[in-house]
Amino acid sequence: MNNSEDLKPKLESWLKKEGYPLEMKVASAIRKYTNFDVRQGWHYQDPETKSSREIDVVATASEVRGIAEINFVFECKGTKKPWVLFTSEDAAEGYHRLSAFGIFSKLSHSAISSAIFKDGHESKFEKAKNIPWFWKDERVGYSISQAFEGNKDTPYVGTLSSVKASMWLQKNSLWQSAEHRNHAISFPVVVTSSPLFECFIDKKGNHVLHPINHGFLFFSQHIEGFSHTCVSIVNESYIEDFVKECDVVASEMYKLLSTSLDEEWDDFIGDSGDKNT
């Protein structure tokens, strides 16, 4: 047996341990089920340390005029120990639904808020009912941990990385100049190959533990103006379904942004025309 054959099983083991097959699986599913632009192994600047860090996959639903961008930011963890998401019905209670939905630039937050909330509850429901992840009427996670021995901080590290990369994208476009891109939305996501469980206390006071394939972690940490949002925690088995949901989210967000984007584009064209006269 030559050296290459000796190395192959060791390399296969290393690849799985480092999560590379999971990252490639996520990127492949995005390309298969959406028209998003996909970038793997992309670097961003950490807003706290100012150092360059890598995020596994960024999928972007771009707007043809370059004035808006919706990003899904994936950090992939090829781990084996079970992850437990601790949830409650009031984890995100009292927070604005948009803030618990994703990370918005100022103008995108204003435009979506106006489109959804200005016409009263019934209209609000009609405009938002088709948006996956928006309502979160079920339990939301307030903490997550990796069970048994090993690096129990892995879920937190993955969550922090996806949030920080999402923050950076509010001011920096992945695919084009951000000079005229005032509408930006980012959704942080952590994908794990570990078994994923939810743990909560039921109405009788008993703790319940059961497997899930997708949940939400309410992440609250003050980082350069950021304070909170929900991060999607996705099991490897749910990747394709989740990516399809991402496609629906982007489509529905652009529908809600359409009026604001058209108005901004008209203003931009008008200003450009004035400068050229």
Protein backbone atom coordinates (compact mmCIF):
# COMPACT_ATOMS: atom_id res chain seq x y z
CA MET A 1 0.00 0.00 0.00
CA ASN A 2 1.48 3.37 -0.97
CA ASN A 3 1.52 6.51 1.16
CA SER A 4 -1.55 7.96 -0.55
CA GLU A 5 -3.63 4.91 0.30
CA ASP A 6 -2.37 5.01 3.88
CA LEU A 7 -3.32 8.67 4.20
CA LYS A 8 -6.80 8.46 2.71
CA PRO A 9 -8.67 7.03 5.75
CA LYS A 10 -6.86 9.46 8.04
CA LEU A 11 -7.80 12.36 5.79
CA GLU A 12 -11.42 11.18 5.63
CA SER A 13 -11.53 11.13 9.43
CA TRP A 14 -9.96 14.59 9.62
CA LEU A 15 -12.38 16.02 7.06
CA LYS A 16 -15.38 14.78 9.03
CA LYS A 17 -13.96 16.04 12.32
CA GLU A 18 -13.37 19.53 10.92
CA GLY A 19 -16.82 19.71 9.33
CA TYR A 20 -15.78 20.19 5.71
CA PRO A 21 -18.23 17.61 4.26
CA LEU A 22 -21.05 19.35 6.16
CA GLU A 23 -20.05 22.74 4.77
CA MET A 24 -19.98 21.32 1.23
CA LYS A 25 -23.36 19.65 1.78
CA VAL A 26 -24.91 22.97 2.83
CA ALA A 27 -23.45 24.83 -0.16
CA SER A 28 -24.60 22.07 -2.54
CA ALA A 29 -28.17 22.19 -1.20
CA ILE A 30 -28.31 25.97 -1.60
CA ARG A 31 -27.16 25.74 -5.22
CA LYS A 32 -29.65 22.94 -5.90
CA TYR A 33 -32.78 24.54 -4.45
CA THR A 34 -32.24 28.29 -4.85
CA ASN A 35 -30.82 30.89 -7.20
CA PHE A 36 -28.78 32.42 -4.40
CA ASP A 37 -25.17 33.41 -4.89
CA VAL A 38 -23.02 31.14 -2.71
CA ARG A 39 -19.60 31.73 -1.25
CA GLN A 40 -17.68 29.25 0.88
CA GLY A 41 -14.79 29.98 3.21
CA TRP A 42 -15.51 33.71 3.20
CA HIS A 43 -13.75 36.10 5.60
CA TYR A 44 -15.21 38.96 7.60
CA GLN A 45 -13.84 41.39 10.15
CA ASP A 46 -14.69 40.62 13.76
CA PRO A 47 -16.46 43.77 15.08
CA GLU A 48 -14.85 43.36 18.51
CA THR A 49 -11.27 42.29 17.80
CA LYS A 50 -11.07 43.77 14.27
CA SER A 51 -9.27 40.58 13.19
CA SER A 52 -10.14 38.60 10.06
CA ARG A 53 -12.24 35.49 10.65
CA GLU A 54 -13.74 32.84 8.41
CA ILE A 55 -17.39 31.90 8.06
CA ASP A 56 -18.28 28.64 6.33
CA VAL A 57 -21.04 29.56 3.85
CA VAL A 58 -22.83 32.77 2.89
CA ALA A 59 -25.86 32.54 0.58
CA THR A 60 -27.07 35.82 -0.90
CA ALA A 61 -30.39 36.69 -2.49
CA SER A 62 -29.30 39.74 -4.45
CA GLU A 63 -31.43 42.54 -5.84
CA VAL A 64 -30.75 43.27 -9.52
CA ARG A 65 -30.29 47.03 -8.99
CA GLY A 66 -27.78 46.51 -6.20
CA ILE A 67 -29.72 48.46 -3.57
CA ALA A 68 -30.71 45.49 -1.41
CA GLU A 69 -29.22 42.21 -0.23
CA ILE A 70 -30.54 39.33 1.88
CA ASN A 71 -27.91 37.01 3.36
CA PHE A 72 -28.13 33.64 5.06
CA VAL A 73 -24.95 33.12 7.06
CA PHE A 74 -24.05 29.51 7.88
CA GLU A 75 -21.54 28.26 10.41
CA CYS A 76 -21.19 24.47 10.20
CA LYS A 77 -20.12 22.25 13.08
CA GLY A 78 -19.21 18.65 12.25
CA THR A 79 -19.61 17.40 15.80
CA LYS A 80 -20.89 14.12 17.24
CA LYS A 81 -21.90 14.84 20.83
CA PRO A 82 -25.62 15.70 21.19
CA TRP A 83 -26.66 19.33 21.36
CA VAL A 84 -29.45 20.34 23.74
CA LEU A 85 -31.51 23.48 23.10
CA PHE A 86 -33.17 24.68 26.32
CA THR A 87 -36.43 26.42 25.45
CA SER A 88 -39.33 28.28 27.01
CA GLU A 89 -42.48 30.02 25.79
CA ASP A 90 -41.27 33.42 26.97
CA ALA A 91 -37.61 33.39 25.87
CA ALA A 92 -38.23 36.15 23.31
CA GLU A 93 -41.20 37.74 25.11
CA GLY A 94 -41.33 41.52 24.96
CA TYR A 95 -38.95 41.86 22.02
CA HIS A 96 -39.92 43.30 18.64
CA ARG A 97 -40.71 40.48 16.22
CA LEU A 98 -38.40 41.85 13.54
CA SER A 99 -35.49 42.03 15.97
CA ALA A 100 -36.13 38.40 16.89
CA PHE A 101 -36.46 37.49 13.20
CA GLY A 102 -33.12 38.61 11.75
CA ILE A 103 -30.52 41.37 11.62
CA PHE A 104 -31.73 44.41 9.68
CA SER A 105 -30.12 47.57 8.43
CA LYS A 106 -31.94 50.71 9.56
CA LEU A 107 -33.79 51.30 6.28
CA SER A 108 -34.74 47.66 5.76
CA HIS A 109 -36.12 47.49 9.31
CA SER A 110 -38.17 50.62 8.71
CA ALA A 111 -39.48 49.40 5.35
CA ILE A 112 -40.47 45.94 6.60
CA SER A 113 -42.05 47.37 9.76
CA SER A 114 -44.12 49.76 7.69
CA ALA A 115 -45.23 47.03 5.30
CA ILE A 116 -46.25 44.58 8.04
CA PHE A 117 -47.37 46.53 11.07
CA LYS A 118 -48.98 49.78 9.93
CA ASP A 119 -52.43 48.44 8.95
CA GLY A 120 -53.58 46.67 12.10
CA HIS A 121 -53.49 43.10 13.33
CA GLU A 122 -55.59 41.43 10.62
CA SER A 123 -53.57 42.96 7.81
CA LYS A 124 -50.39 42.22 9.72
CA PHE A 125 -51.31 38.55 9.88
CA GLU A 126 -52.15 38.40 6.19
CA LYS A 127 -48.85 39.98 5.17
CA ALA A 128 -46.65 37.93 7.49
CA LYS A 129 -48.38 34.55 7.64
CA ASN A 130 -46.45 33.15 4.67
CA ILE A 131 -43.03 34.03 6.06
CA PRO A 132 -41.28 31.02 7.63
CA TRP A 133 -39.77 31.60 11.10
CA PHE A 134 -41.51 34.97 11.60
CA TRP A 135 -44.17 34.19 14.18
CA LYS A 136 -42.33 31.70 16.42
CA ASP A 137 -45.46 30.84 18.38
CA GLU A 138 -43.73 27.76 19.78
CA ARG A 139 -40.94 27.71 22.35
CA VAL A 140 -37.68 29.55 21.64
CA GLY A 141 -34.29 28.59 23.03
CA TYR A 142 -32.63 30.67 25.72
CA SER A 143 -29.51 28.47 26.01
CA ILE A 144 -27.76 25.67 24.13
CA SER A 145 -25.12 23.19 25.20
CA GLN A 146 -23.17 20.23 23.89
CA ALA A 147 -23.78 17.20 26.08
CA PHE A 148 -21.27 14.86 27.69
CA GLU A 149 -17.52 15.39 27.53
CA GLY A 150 -15.77 17.44 24.89
CA ASN A 151 -15.94 21.10 23.91
CA LYS A 152 -19.25 22.20 25.42
CA ASP A 153 -18.76 25.72 24.07
CA THR A 154 -18.94 24.60 20.42
CA PRO A 155 -22.61 25.68 19.95
CA TYR A 156 -21.86 29.11 21.44
CA VAL A 157 -18.76 29.60 19.30
CA GLY A 158 -20.72 28.72 16.16
CA THR A 159 -23.56 31.04 17.13
CA LEU A 160 -21.25 33.95 17.87
CA SER A 161 -19.43 33.52 14.57
CA SER A 162 -22.64 33.49 12.51
CA VAL A 163 -23.97 36.57 14.32
CA LYS A 164 -20.75 38.55 13.92
CA ALA A 165 -20.52 37.72 10.22
CA SER A 166 -24.17 38.74 9.82
CA MET A 167 -23.44 42.04 11.54
CA TRP A 168 -20.52 42.76 9.24
CA LEU A 169 -22.73 42.23 6.20
CA GLN A 170 -24.99 45.10 7.23
CA LYS A 171 -22.23 47.53 6.25
CA ASN A 172 -20.27 45.48 3.73
CA SER A 173 -21.71 43.74 0.68
CA LEU A 174 -20.37 40.29 -0.16
CA TRP A 175 -20.91 40.52 -3.91
CA GLN A 176 -20.89 44.19 -4.87
CA SER A 177 -20.13 47.64 -3.58
CA ALA A 178 -22.27 48.53 -0.59
CA GLU A 179 -22.18 52.25 -1.45
CA HIS A 180 -25.80 52.35 -2.67
CA ARG A 181 -27.05 49.21 -0.89
CA ASN A 182 -29.06 50.63 2.00
CA HIS A 183 -31.38 47.67 2.50
CA ALA A 184 -29.62 44.68 4.03
CA ILE A 185 -31.00 41.73 5.99
CA SER A 186 -28.99 38.86 7.47
CA PHE A 187 -30.10 35.60 9.04
CA PRO A 188 -27.50 33.78 11.17
CA VAL A 189 -27.61 29.98 11.02
CA VAL A 190 -25.69 27.21 12.77
CA VAL A 191 -25.77 23.74 11.17
CA THR A 192 -24.69 20.73 13.22
CA SER A 193 -24.16 17.08 12.38
CA SER A 194 -24.80 16.27 16.05
CA PRO A 195 -28.14 14.90 17.24
CA LEU A 196 -30.25 17.91 18.26
CA PHE A 197 -32.62 17.84 21.24
CA GLU A 198 -35.03 20.29 22.81
CA CYS A 199 -35.47 20.42 26.59
CA PHE A 200 -38.23 22.34 28.39
CA ILE A 201 -40.59 22.27 31.38
CA ASP A 202 -44.19 21.44 30.52
CA LYS A 203 -47.29 22.89 32.18
CA LYS A 204 -47.29 20.10 34.76
CA GLY A 205 -43.78 20.98 35.85
CA ASN A 206 -42.15 17.98 34.21
CA HIS A 207 -39.04 18.35 32.09
CA VAL A 208 -39.42 17.14 28.50
CA LEU A 209 -36.57 16.07 26.25
CA HIS A 210 -37.15 15.13 22.63
CA PRO A 211 -35.26 15.20 19.30
CA ILE A 212 -35.79 18.08 16.87
CA ASN A 213 -34.33 18.97 13.48
CA HIS A 214 -34.63 22.78 13.68
CA GLY A 215 -34.98 25.25 16.51
CA PHE A 216 -34.32 28.89 17.37
CA LEU A 217 -31.86 30.23 19.92
CA PHE A 218 -32.57 33.73 21.21
CA PHE A 219 -29.07 35.21 21.23
CA SER A 220 -28.63 38.34 23.34
CA GLN A 221 -25.21 39.93 23.56
CA HIS A 222 -24.20 43.57 23.18
CA ILE A 223 -21.71 43.80 20.31
CA GLU A 224 -21.19 47.23 18.72
CA GLY A 225 -24.86 48.23 18.63
CA PHE A 226 -26.20 44.70 18.19
CA SER A 227 -28.28 43.44 21.10
CA HIS A 228 -30.35 40.40 20.12
CA THR A 229 -31.86 38.18 17.45
CA CYS A 230 -32.88 34.55 16.95
CA VAL A 231 -30.35 32.19 15.41
CA SER A 232 -31.53 29.11 13.53
CA ILE A 233 -30.04 25.88 14.85
CA VAL A 234 -30.36 23.23 12.14
CA ASN A 235 -29.60 19.53 12.19
CA GLU A 236 -27.83 18.09 9.15
CA SER A 237 -30.89 15.97 8.29
CA TYR A 238 -32.98 19.11 7.78
CA ILE A 239 -30.60 21.03 5.51
CA GLU A 240 -32.56 20.68 2.26
CA ASP A 241 -35.89 21.62 3.84
CA PHE A 242 -34.29 24.54 5.62
CA VAL A 243 -32.71 25.85 2.42
CA LYS A 244 -36.13 25.74 0.74
CA GLU A 245 -37.47 27.82 3.64
CA CYS A 246 -34.64 30.32 3.10
CA ASP A 247 -35.78 30.72 -0.49
CA VAL A 248 -39.35 31.50 0.66
CA VAL A 249 -38.10 33.94 3.32
CA ALA A 250 -36.06 35.88 0.75
CA SER A 251 -38.97 35.98 -1.70
CA GLU A 252 -41.42 37.24 0.92
CA MET A 253 -38.95 39.83 2.23
CA TYR A 254 -38.47 41.27 -1.24
CA LYS A 255 -42.22 41.49 -1.72
CA LEU A 256 -42.46 43.55 1.47
CA LEU A 257 -39.49 45.69 0.44
CA SER A 258 -40.70 46.30 -3.12
CA THR A 259 -42.37 49.67 -2.57
CA SER A 260 -39.46 51.06 -0.58
CA LEU A 261 -36.91 49.79 -3.11
CA ASP A 262 -38.80 51.25 -6.06
CA GLU A 263 -39.04 54.64 -4.34
CA GLU A 264 -35.37 54.61 -3.45
CA TRP A 265 -34.39 53.68 -6.99
CA ASP A 266 -36.51 56.47 -8.45
CA ASP A 267 -34.83 58.93 -6.09
CA PHE A 268 -31.41 57.59 -6.99
CA ILE A 269 -32.06 57.86 -10.73
CA GLY A 270 -33.47 61.35 -10.23
CA ASP A 271 -30.42 62.46 -8.27
CA SER A 272 -28.10 60.96 -10.88
CA GLY A 273 -29.96 62.79 -13.62
CA ASP A 274 -29.69 66.09 -11.76
CA LYS A 275 -25.94 65.65 -11.37
CA ASN A 276 -25.50 65.03 -15.09
CA THR A 277 -27.47 68.05 -16.23
